All heavy atoms as atom14 arrays in JSON, in Angstrom:
{
  "sequence": "LHFIKFALRKRNPYLFLGGTVLLLIITINFYFLRDPEIINFPST",
  "atom14_mask": [
    [1, 1, 1, 1, 1, 1, 1, 1, 0, 0, 0, 0, 0, 0],
    [1, 1, 1, 1, 1, 1, 1, 1, 1, 1, 0, 0, 0, 0],
    [1, 1, 1, 1, 1, 1, 1, 1, 1, 1, 1, 0, 0, 0],
    [1, 1, 1, 1, 1, 1, 1, 1, 0, 0, 0, 0, 0, 0],
    [1, 1, 1, 1, 1, 1, 1, 1, 1, 0, 0, 0, 0, 0],
    [1, 1, 1, 1, 1, 1, 1, 1, 1, 1, 1, 0, 0, 0],
    [1, 1, 1, 1, 1, 0, 0, 0, 0, 0, 0, 0, 0, 0],
    [1, 1, 1, 1, 1, 1, 1, 1, 0, 0, 0, 0, 0, 0],
    [1, 1, 1, 1, 1, 1, 1, 1, 1, 1, 1, 0, 0, 0],
    [1, 1, 1, 1, 1, 1, 1, 1, 1, 0, 0, 0, 0, 0],
    [1, 1, 1, 1, 1, 1, 1, 1, 1, 1, 1, 0, 0, 0],
    [1, 1, 1, 1, 1, 1, 1, 1, 0, 0, 0, 0, 0, 0],
    [1, 1, 1, 1, 1, 1, 1, 0, 0, 0, 0, 0, 0, 0],
    [1, 1, 1, 1, 1, 1, 1, 1, 1, 1, 1, 1, 0, 0],
    [1, 1, 1, 1, 1, 1, 1, 1, 0, 0, 0, 0, 0, 0],
    [1, 1, 1, 1, 1, 1, 1, 1, 1, 1, 1, 0, 0, 0],
    [1, 1, 1, 1, 1, 1, 1, 1, 0, 0, 0, 0, 0, 0],
    [1, 1, 1, 1, 0, 0, 0, 0, 0, 0, 0, 0, 0, 0],
    [1, 1, 1, 1, 0, 0, 0, 0, 0, 0, 0, 0, 0, 0],
    [1, 1, 1, 1, 1, 1, 1, 0, 0, 0, 0, 0, 0, 0],
    [1, 1, 1, 1, 1, 1, 1, 0, 0, 0, 0, 0, 0, 0],
    [1, 1, 1, 1, 1, 1, 1, 1, 0, 0, 0, 0, 0, 0],
    [1, 1, 1, 1, 1, 1, 1, 1, 0, 0, 0, 0, 0, 0],
    [1, 1, 1, 1, 1, 1, 1, 1, 0, 0, 0, 0, 0, 0],
    [1, 1, 1, 1, 1, 1, 1, 1, 0, 0, 0, 0, 0, 0],
    [1, 1, 1, 1, 1, 1, 1, 1, 0, 0, 0, 0, 0, 0],
    [1, 1, 1, 1, 1, 1, 1, 0, 0, 0, 0, 0, 0, 0],
    [1, 1, 1, 1, 1, 1, 1, 1, 0, 0, 0, 0, 0, 0],
    [1, 1, 1, 1, 1, 1, 1, 1, 0, 0, 0, 0, 0, 0],
    [1, 1, 1, 1, 1, 1, 1, 1, 1, 1, 1, 0, 0, 0],
    [1, 1, 1, 1, 1, 1, 1, 1, 1, 1, 1, 1, 0, 0],
    [1, 1, 1, 1, 1, 1, 1, 1, 1, 1, 1, 0, 0, 0],
    [1, 1, 1, 1, 1, 1, 1, 1, 0, 0, 0, 0, 0, 0],
    [1, 1, 1, 1, 1, 1, 1, 1, 1, 1, 1, 0, 0, 0],
    [1, 1, 1, 1, 1, 1, 1, 1, 0, 0, 0, 0, 0, 0],
    [1, 1, 1, 1, 1, 1, 1, 0, 0, 0, 0, 0, 0, 0],
    [1, 1, 1, 1, 1, 1, 1, 1, 1, 0, 0, 0, 0, 0],
    [1, 1, 1, 1, 1, 1, 1, 1, 0, 0, 0, 0, 0, 0],
    [1, 1, 1, 1, 1, 1, 1, 1, 0, 0, 0, 0, 0, 0],
    [1, 1, 1, 1, 1, 1, 1, 1, 0, 0, 0, 0, 0, 0],
    [1, 1, 1, 1, 1, 1, 1, 1, 1, 1, 1, 0, 0, 0],
    [1, 1, 1, 1, 1, 1, 1, 0, 0, 0, 0, 0, 0, 0],
    [1, 1, 1, 1, 1, 1, 0, 0, 0, 0, 0, 0, 0, 0],
    [1, 1, 1, 1, 1, 1, 1, 0, 0, 0, 0, 0, 0, 0]
  ],
  "atom14_positions": [
    [[78.72, 106.22, 47.62], [78.38, 107.54, 47.08], [77.69, 107.41, 45.73], [76.68, 108.09, 45.47], [79.65, 108.39, 46.96], [79.46, 109.82, 46.47], [78.58, 110.6, 47.44], [80.81, 110.51, 46.3], [0.0, 0.0, 0.0], [0.0, 0.0, 0.0], [0.0, 0.0, 0.0], [0.0, 0.0, 0.0], [0.0, 0.0, 0.0], [0.0, 0.0, 0.0]],
    [[78.2, 106.53, 44.86], [77.56, 106.31, 43.56], [76.15, 105.74, 43.73], [75.22, 106.12, 43.0], [78.41, 105.35, 42.72], [79.69, 105.95, 42.23], [79.74, 107.14, 41.52], [80.98, 105.54, 42.35], [81.0, 107.44, 41.22], [81.78, 106.46, 41.72], [0.0, 0.0, 0.0], [0.0, 0.0, 0.0], [0.0, 0.0, 0.0], [0.0, 0.0, 0.0]],
    [[76.0, 104.83, 44.69], [74.69, 104.22, 44.93], [73.69, 105.27, 45.41], [72.53, 105.29, 44.98], [74.83, 103.09, 45.95], [73.53, 102.43, 46.3], [72.94, 101.52, 45.44], [72.87, 102.73, 47.49], [71.73, 100.92, 45.75], [71.67, 102.14, 47.81], [71.09, 101.23, 46.94], [0.0, 0.0, 0.0], [0.0, 0.0, 0.0], [0.0, 0.0, 0.0]],
    [[74.11, 106.14, 46.32], [73.22, 107.19, 46.83], [72.82, 108.16, 45.72], [71.65, 108.57, 45.62], [73.89, 107.94, 48.0], [74.02, 107.02, 49.22], [73.1, 109.18, 48.37], [72.69, 106.55, 49.78], [0.0, 0.0, 0.0], [0.0, 0.0, 0.0], [0.0, 0.0, 0.0], [0.0, 0.0, 0.0], [0.0, 0.0, 0.0], [0.0, 0.0, 0.0]],
    [[73.79, 108.52, 44.86], [73.47, 109.41, 43.74], [72.43, 108.78, 42.81], [71.51, 109.46, 42.34], [74.74, 109.75, 42.96], [75.68, 110.7, 43.69], [76.91, 111.0, 42.85], [77.85, 111.97, 43.57], [79.08, 112.24, 42.77], [0.0, 0.0, 0.0], [0.0, 0.0, 0.0], [0.0, 0.0, 0.0], [0.0, 0.0, 0.0], [0.0, 0.0, 0.0]],
    [[72.58, 107.46, 42.58], [71.61, 106.76, 41.72], [70.24, 106.71, 42.39], [69.21, 106.89, 41.73], [72.13, 105.35, 41.44], [71.11, 104.47, 40.75], [70.84, 104.62, 39.4], [70.43, 103.5, 41.47], [69.9, 103.83, 38.76], [69.48, 102.69, 40.85], [69.22, 102.86, 39.49], [0.0, 0.0, 0.0], [0.0, 0.0, 0.0], [0.0, 0.0, 0.0]],
    [[70.22, 106.47, 43.71], [68.94, 106.35, 44.41], [68.19, 107.67, 44.45], [66.95, 107.69, 44.52], [69.17, 105.83, 45.82], [0.0, 0.0, 0.0], [0.0, 0.0, 0.0], [0.0, 0.0, 0.0], [0.0, 0.0, 0.0], [0.0, 0.0, 0.0], [0.0, 0.0, 0.0], [0.0, 0.0, 0.0], [0.0, 0.0, 0.0], [0.0, 0.0, 0.0]],
    [[68.92, 108.79, 44.4], [68.29, 110.12, 44.49], [68.03, 110.75, 43.14], [67.53, 111.89, 43.07], [69.17, 111.05, 45.34], [69.39, 110.64, 46.79], [70.33, 111.6, 47.49], [68.05, 110.58, 47.53], [0.0, 0.0, 0.0], [0.0, 0.0, 0.0], [0.0, 0.0, 0.0], [0.0, 0.0, 0.0], [0.0, 0.0, 0.0], [0.0, 0.0, 0.0]],
    [[68.35, 110.06, 42.05], [68.2, 110.62, 40.71], [66.74, 110.58, 40.25], [66.11, 109.53, 40.3], [69.1, 109.85, 39.74], [69.2, 110.49, 38.34], [70.06, 109.61, 37.46], [71.37, 109.39, 38.07], [72.18, 108.4, 37.73], [71.79, 107.5, 36.83], [73.36, 108.28, 38.32], [0.0, 0.0, 0.0], [0.0, 0.0, 0.0], [0.0, 0.0, 0.0]],
    [[66.2, 111.69, 39.84], [64.88, 111.83, 39.24], [63.8, 111.12, 40.07], [63.57, 111.44, 41.22], [64.91, 111.32, 37.8], [65.85, 112.12, 36.91], [65.86, 111.59, 35.48], [66.81, 112.41, 34.61], [66.86, 111.9, 33.22], [0.0, 0.0, 0.0], [0.0, 0.0, 0.0], [0.0, 0.0, 0.0], [0.0, 0.0, 0.0], [0.0, 0.0, 0.0]],
    [[63.13, 110.1, 39.47], [62.04, 109.42, 40.16], [62.49, 108.18, 40.94], [61.65, 107.45, 41.48], [60.96, 108.99, 39.15], [60.25, 110.16, 38.49], [59.09, 109.65, 37.67], [58.33, 110.76, 37.1], [57.23, 110.6, 36.36], [56.77, 109.37, 36.11], [56.59, 111.65, 35.88], [0.0, 0.0, 0.0], [0.0, 0.0, 0.0], [0.0, 0.0, 0.0]],
    [[63.78, 107.95, 41.0], [64.27, 106.75, 41.71], [63.88, 106.71, 43.18], [63.63, 105.62, 43.72], [65.79, 106.65, 41.57], [66.2, 106.23, 40.17], [65.34, 105.9, 39.35], [67.49, 106.25, 39.87], [0.0, 0.0, 0.0], [0.0, 0.0, 0.0], [0.0, 0.0, 0.0], [0.0, 0.0, 0.0], [0.0, 0.0, 0.0], [0.0, 0.0, 0.0]],
    [[63.84, 107.85, 43.9], [63.4, 107.76, 45.31], [62.02, 107.14, 45.48], [61.78, 106.35, 46.4], [63.43, 109.22, 45.77], [64.44, 109.87, 44.89], [64.31, 109.19, 43.56], [0.0, 0.0, 0.0], [0.0, 0.0, 0.0], [0.0, 0.0, 0.0], [0.0, 0.0, 0.0], [0.0, 0.0, 0.0], [0.0, 0.0, 0.0], [0.0, 0.0, 0.0]],
    [[61.07, 107.48, 44.55], [59.73, 106.89, 44.64], [59.77, 105.38, 44.37], [59.05, 104.61, 45.0], [58.8, 107.58, 43.64], [58.64, 109.06, 43.9], [59.32, 110.0, 43.14], [57.8, 109.52, 44.91], [59.18, 111.36, 43.37], [57.64, 110.87, 45.14], [58.34, 111.79, 44.38], [58.19, 113.13, 44.61], [0.0, 0.0, 0.0], [0.0, 0.0, 0.0]],
    [[60.62, 105.0, 43.41], [60.74, 103.57, 43.11], [61.33, 102.81, 44.29], [60.88, 101.7, 44.63], [61.61, 103.37, 41.85], [61.04, 103.94, 40.55], [62.04, 103.77, 39.41], [59.72, 103.26, 40.21], [0.0, 0.0, 0.0], [0.0, 0.0, 0.0], [0.0, 0.0, 0.0], [0.0, 0.0, 0.0], [0.0, 0.0, 0.0], [0.0, 0.0, 0.0]],
    [[62.35, 103.38, 44.93], [62.97, 102.72, 46.09], [61.97, 102.61, 47.24], [61.88, 101.58, 47.9], [64.22, 103.5, 46.54], [65.48, 103.06, 45.87], [65.87, 103.63, 44.67], [66.27, 102.07, 46.43], [67.04, 103.23, 44.04], [67.42, 101.66, 45.8], [67.81, 102.24, 44.59], [0.0, 0.0, 0.0], [0.0, 0.0, 0.0], [0.0, 0.0, 0.0]],
    [[61.21, 103.69, 47.47], [60.24, 103.67, 48.57], [59.13, 102.65, 48.28], [58.76, 101.84, 49.15], [59.64, 105.07, 48.76], [58.59, 105.19, 49.87], [59.19, 104.83, 51.21], [58.02, 106.6, 49.9], [0.0, 0.0, 0.0], [0.0, 0.0, 0.0], [0.0, 0.0, 0.0], [0.0, 0.0, 0.0], [0.0, 0.0, 0.0], [0.0, 0.0, 0.0]],
    [[58.61, 102.66, 47.05], [57.58, 101.68, 46.7], [58.09, 100.25, 46.75], [57.39, 99.34, 47.2], [0.0, 0.0, 0.0], [0.0, 0.0, 0.0], [0.0, 0.0, 0.0], [0.0, 0.0, 0.0], [0.0, 0.0, 0.0], [0.0, 0.0, 0.0], [0.0, 0.0, 0.0], [0.0, 0.0, 0.0], [0.0, 0.0, 0.0], [0.0, 0.0, 0.0]],
    [[59.31, 100.05, 46.27], [59.9, 98.71, 46.32], [60.1, 98.21, 47.75], [59.9, 97.02, 48.03], [0.0, 0.0, 0.0], [0.0, 0.0, 0.0], [0.0, 0.0, 0.0], [0.0, 0.0, 0.0], [0.0, 0.0, 0.0], [0.0, 0.0, 0.0], [0.0, 0.0, 0.0], [0.0, 0.0, 0.0], [0.0, 0.0, 0.0], [0.0, 0.0, 0.0]],
    [[60.46, 99.14, 48.65], [60.65, 98.74, 50.06], [59.33, 98.31, 50.69], [59.26, 97.29, 51.38], [61.25, 99.92, 50.85], [62.48, 100.32, 50.25], [61.51, 99.51, 52.29], [0.0, 0.0, 0.0], [0.0, 0.0, 0.0], [0.0, 0.0, 0.0], [0.0, 0.0, 0.0], [0.0, 0.0, 0.0], [0.0, 0.0, 0.0], [0.0, 0.0, 0.0]],
    [[58.26, 99.09, 50.43], [56.94, 98.72, 50.97], [56.48, 97.4, 50.37], [55.94, 96.53, 51.09], [55.92, 99.85, 50.68], [54.52, 99.42, 51.11], [56.33, 101.13, 51.38], [0.0, 0.0, 0.0], [0.0, 0.0, 0.0], [0.0, 0.0, 0.0], [0.0, 0.0, 0.0], [0.0, 0.0, 0.0], [0.0, 0.0, 0.0], [0.0, 0.0, 0.0]],
    [[56.69, 97.22, 49.05], [56.29, 95.97, 48.4], [57.06, 94.79, 48.97], [56.49, 93.71, 49.21], [56.52, 96.09, 46.89], [56.11, 94.88, 46.04], [54.6, 94.66, 46.15], [56.51, 95.09, 44.58], [0.0, 0.0, 0.0], [0.0, 0.0, 0.0], [0.0, 0.0, 0.0], [0.0, 0.0, 0.0], [0.0, 0.0, 0.0], [0.0, 0.0, 0.0]],
    [[58.35, 94.98, 49.21], [59.17, 93.91, 49.78], [58.7, 93.56, 51.19], [58.68, 92.38, 51.57], [60.65, 94.34, 49.82], [61.64, 93.32, 50.37], [61.65, 92.06, 49.52], [63.04, 93.92, 50.45], [0.0, 0.0, 0.0], [0.0, 0.0, 0.0], [0.0, 0.0, 0.0], [0.0, 0.0, 0.0], [0.0, 0.0, 0.0], [0.0, 0.0, 0.0]],
    [[58.29, 94.57, 51.97], [57.77, 94.32, 53.31], [56.51, 93.45, 53.25], [56.36, 92.47, 53.99], [57.47, 95.65, 54.01], [56.78, 95.57, 55.37], [57.67, 94.89, 56.38], [56.38, 96.95, 55.86], [0.0, 0.0, 0.0], [0.0, 0.0, 0.0], [0.0, 0.0, 0.0], [0.0, 0.0, 0.0], [0.0, 0.0, 0.0], [0.0, 0.0, 0.0]],
    [[55.58, 93.8, 52.34], [54.34, 93.03, 52.21], [54.62, 91.6, 51.76], [54.06, 90.64, 52.29], [53.39, 93.74, 51.23], [52.99, 95.12, 51.78], [52.14, 92.9, 50.97], [52.2, 95.97, 50.81], [0.0, 0.0, 0.0], [0.0, 0.0, 0.0], [0.0, 0.0, 0.0], [0.0, 0.0, 0.0], [0.0, 0.0, 0.0], [0.0, 0.0, 0.0]],
    [[55.51, 91.45, 50.77], [55.85, 90.12, 50.27], [56.49, 89.27, 51.37], [56.19, 88.09, 51.52], [56.79, 90.23, 49.05], [56.04, 90.85, 47.87], [57.34, 88.86, 48.66], [56.93, 91.13, 46.67], [0.0, 0.0, 0.0], [0.0, 0.0, 0.0], [0.0, 0.0, 0.0], [0.0, 0.0, 0.0], [0.0, 0.0, 0.0], [0.0, 0.0, 0.0]],
    [[57.36, 89.89, 52.16], [58.06, 89.15, 53.23], [57.07, 88.65, 54.27], [57.13, 87.49, 54.7], [59.11, 90.05, 53.89], [60.02, 90.52, 52.9], [59.88, 89.28, 54.95], [0.0, 0.0, 0.0], [0.0, 0.0, 0.0], [0.0, 0.0, 0.0], [0.0, 0.0, 0.0], [0.0, 0.0, 0.0], [0.0, 0.0, 0.0], [0.0, 0.0, 0.0]],
    [[56.15, 89.51, 54.69], [55.16, 89.12, 55.7], [54.27, 87.99, 55.17], [54.01, 86.99, 55.86], [54.32, 90.34, 56.13], [55.2, 91.36, 56.85], [53.17, 89.9, 57.03], [54.49, 92.66, 57.18], [0.0, 0.0, 0.0], [0.0, 0.0, 0.0], [0.0, 0.0, 0.0], [0.0, 0.0, 0.0], [0.0, 0.0, 0.0], [0.0, 0.0, 0.0]],
    [[53.78, 88.14, 53.92], [52.93, 87.1, 53.34], [53.69, 85.79, 53.15], [53.13, 84.7, 53.38], [52.37, 87.57, 51.99], [51.32, 88.66, 52.16], [50.56, 88.64, 53.12], [51.27, 89.6, 51.23], [0.0, 0.0, 0.0], [0.0, 0.0, 0.0], [0.0, 0.0, 0.0], [0.0, 0.0, 0.0], [0.0, 0.0, 0.0], [0.0, 0.0, 0.0]],
    [[54.94, 85.89, 52.76], [55.75, 84.68, 52.58], [55.92, 83.94, 53.9], [55.86, 82.71, 53.95], [57.12, 85.07, 52.01], [58.04, 83.9, 51.82], [57.85, 83.0, 50.79], [59.11, 83.71, 52.68], [58.7, 81.92, 50.61], [59.97, 82.64, 52.52], [59.77, 81.74, 51.48], [0.0, 0.0, 0.0], [0.0, 0.0, 0.0], [0.0, 0.0, 0.0]],
    [[56.09, 84.7, 54.98], [56.26, 84.08, 56.3], [55.0, 83.31, 56.7], [55.07, 82.16, 57.13], [56.59, 85.16, 57.33], [56.68, 84.64, 58.75], [57.84, 84.02, 59.21], [55.61, 84.77, 59.62], [57.92, 83.54, 60.5], [55.68, 84.3, 60.91], [56.85, 83.7, 61.34], [56.91, 83.21, 62.62], [0.0, 0.0, 0.0], [0.0, 0.0, 0.0]],
    [[53.84, 83.95, 56.54], [52.6, 83.3, 56.98], [52.17, 82.18, 56.02], [51.53, 81.23, 56.44], [51.49, 84.33, 57.13], [51.65, 85.19, 58.36], [52.04, 86.51, 58.25], [51.41, 84.66, 59.62], [52.19, 87.3, 59.38], [51.56, 85.44, 60.75], [51.95, 86.76, 60.63], [0.0, 0.0, 0.0], [0.0, 0.0, 0.0], [0.0, 0.0, 0.0]],
    [[52.49, 82.31, 54.73], [52.16, 81.24, 53.79], [52.94, 79.97, 54.08], [52.47, 78.86, 53.84], [52.43, 81.71, 52.35], [51.44, 82.71, 51.78], [51.88, 83.19, 50.4], [50.04, 82.11, 51.69], [0.0, 0.0, 0.0], [0.0, 0.0, 0.0], [0.0, 0.0, 0.0], [0.0, 0.0, 0.0], [0.0, 0.0, 0.0], [0.0, 0.0, 0.0]],
    [[54.15, 80.12, 54.61], [54.96, 78.96, 54.97], [54.42, 78.25, 56.2], [54.7, 77.08, 56.42], [56.41, 79.37, 55.24], [57.19, 79.72, 53.98], [58.63, 80.06, 54.31], [59.32, 78.89, 54.85], [59.73, 78.8, 56.12], [59.51, 79.79, 56.96], [60.37, 77.73, 56.53], [0.0, 0.0, 0.0], [0.0, 0.0, 0.0], [0.0, 0.0, 0.0]],
    [[53.63, 78.97, 57.02], [53.04, 78.42, 58.24], [54.1, 77.71, 59.09], [54.04, 76.5, 59.32], [51.91, 77.45, 57.9], [51.1, 77.08, 59.13], [51.13, 77.84, 60.11], [50.44, 76.02, 59.11], [0.0, 0.0, 0.0], [0.0, 0.0, 0.0], [0.0, 0.0, 0.0], [0.0, 0.0, 0.0], [0.0, 0.0, 0.0], [0.0, 0.0, 0.0]],
    [[55.11, 78.45, 59.56], [56.21, 77.81, 60.29], [55.75, 77.27, 61.64], [54.87, 77.84, 62.29], [57.22, 78.95, 60.47], [56.38, 80.19, 60.45], [55.26, 79.9, 59.49], [0.0, 0.0, 0.0], [0.0, 0.0, 0.0], [0.0, 0.0, 0.0], [0.0, 0.0, 0.0], [0.0, 0.0, 0.0], [0.0, 0.0, 0.0], [0.0, 0.0, 0.0]],
    [[56.35, 76.19, 62.03], [56.05, 75.6, 63.34], [56.83, 76.34, 64.41], [58.04, 76.53, 64.28], [56.42, 74.12, 63.35], [56.07, 73.43, 64.66], [56.47, 71.97, 64.65], [57.07, 71.52, 63.64], [56.21, 71.28, 65.66], [0.0, 0.0, 0.0], [0.0, 0.0, 0.0], [0.0, 0.0, 0.0], [0.0, 0.0, 0.0], [0.0, 0.0, 0.0]],
    [[56.16, 76.75, 65.48], [56.79, 77.51, 66.56], [57.17, 76.54, 67.67], [56.31, 75.89, 68.26], [55.87, 78.61, 67.1], [55.55, 79.6, 65.97], [56.52, 79.34, 68.27], [54.54, 80.65, 66.35], [0.0, 0.0, 0.0], [0.0, 0.0, 0.0], [0.0, 0.0, 0.0], [0.0, 0.0, 0.0], [0.0, 0.0, 0.0], [0.0, 0.0, 0.0]],
    [[58.46, 76.41, 67.92], [58.96, 75.5, 68.95], [59.8, 76.32, 69.92], [60.82, 76.89, 69.54], [59.82, 74.37, 68.33], [58.99, 73.59, 67.3], [60.34, 73.45, 69.41], [59.79, 72.53, 66.57], [0.0, 0.0, 0.0], [0.0, 0.0, 0.0], [0.0, 0.0, 0.0], [0.0, 0.0, 0.0], [0.0, 0.0, 0.0], [0.0, 0.0, 0.0]],
    [[59.35, 76.39, 71.18], [60.11, 77.15, 72.17], [61.42, 76.45, 72.53], [62.45, 77.09, 72.72], [59.26, 77.35, 73.43], [58.12, 78.31, 73.2], [58.27, 79.29, 72.49], [56.96, 78.01, 73.75], [0.0, 0.0, 0.0], [0.0, 0.0, 0.0], [0.0, 0.0, 0.0], [0.0, 0.0, 0.0], [0.0, 0.0, 0.0], [0.0, 0.0, 0.0]],
    [[61.37, 75.13, 72.68], [62.56, 74.37, 73.0], [62.69, 73.25, 71.98], [61.95, 72.26, 72.04], [62.49, 73.79, 74.42], [62.47, 74.85, 75.47], [61.27, 75.31, 75.98], [63.64, 75.42, 75.92], [61.24, 76.31, 76.93], [63.63, 76.41, 76.87], [62.43, 76.86, 77.39], [0.0, 0.0, 0.0], [0.0, 0.0, 0.0], [0.0, 0.0, 0.0]],
    [[63.59, 73.38, 71.0], [63.71, 72.39, 69.94], [64.01, 71.0, 70.49], [64.72, 70.84, 71.49], [64.89, 72.91, 69.1], [65.0, 74.36, 69.44], [64.55, 74.49, 70.85], [0.0, 0.0, 0.0], [0.0, 0.0, 0.0], [0.0, 0.0, 0.0], [0.0, 0.0, 0.0], [0.0, 0.0, 0.0], [0.0, 0.0, 0.0], [0.0, 0.0, 0.0]],
    [[63.44, 70.0, 69.82], [63.66, 68.62, 70.22], [65.04, 68.18, 69.77], [65.4, 68.31, 68.6], [62.57, 67.73, 69.6], [62.78, 66.39, 69.97], [0.0, 0.0, 0.0], [0.0, 0.0, 0.0], [0.0, 0.0, 0.0], [0.0, 0.0, 0.0], [0.0, 0.0, 0.0], [0.0, 0.0, 0.0], [0.0, 0.0, 0.0], [0.0, 0.0, 0.0]],
    [[65.82, 67.67, 70.69], [67.18, 67.23, 70.39], [67.31, 65.73, 70.66], [66.45, 65.12, 71.3], [68.2, 68.0, 71.25], [67.87, 67.81, 72.64], [68.15, 69.48, 70.94], [0.0, 0.0, 0.0], [0.0, 0.0, 0.0], [0.0, 0.0, 0.0], [0.0, 0.0, 0.0], [0.0, 0.0, 0.0], [0.0, 0.0, 0.0], [0.0, 0.0, 0.0]]
  ]
}
């Protein structure tokens, strides 16, 4: 309840929304920058 009140206070909703979009972009770029190897059946 305290967290929701803080998130809805004044301009905080815009900051949370912008931060979420920014985190989405950073996560996608981080994934592709790592260039992970795709293995359907891992070698054991």
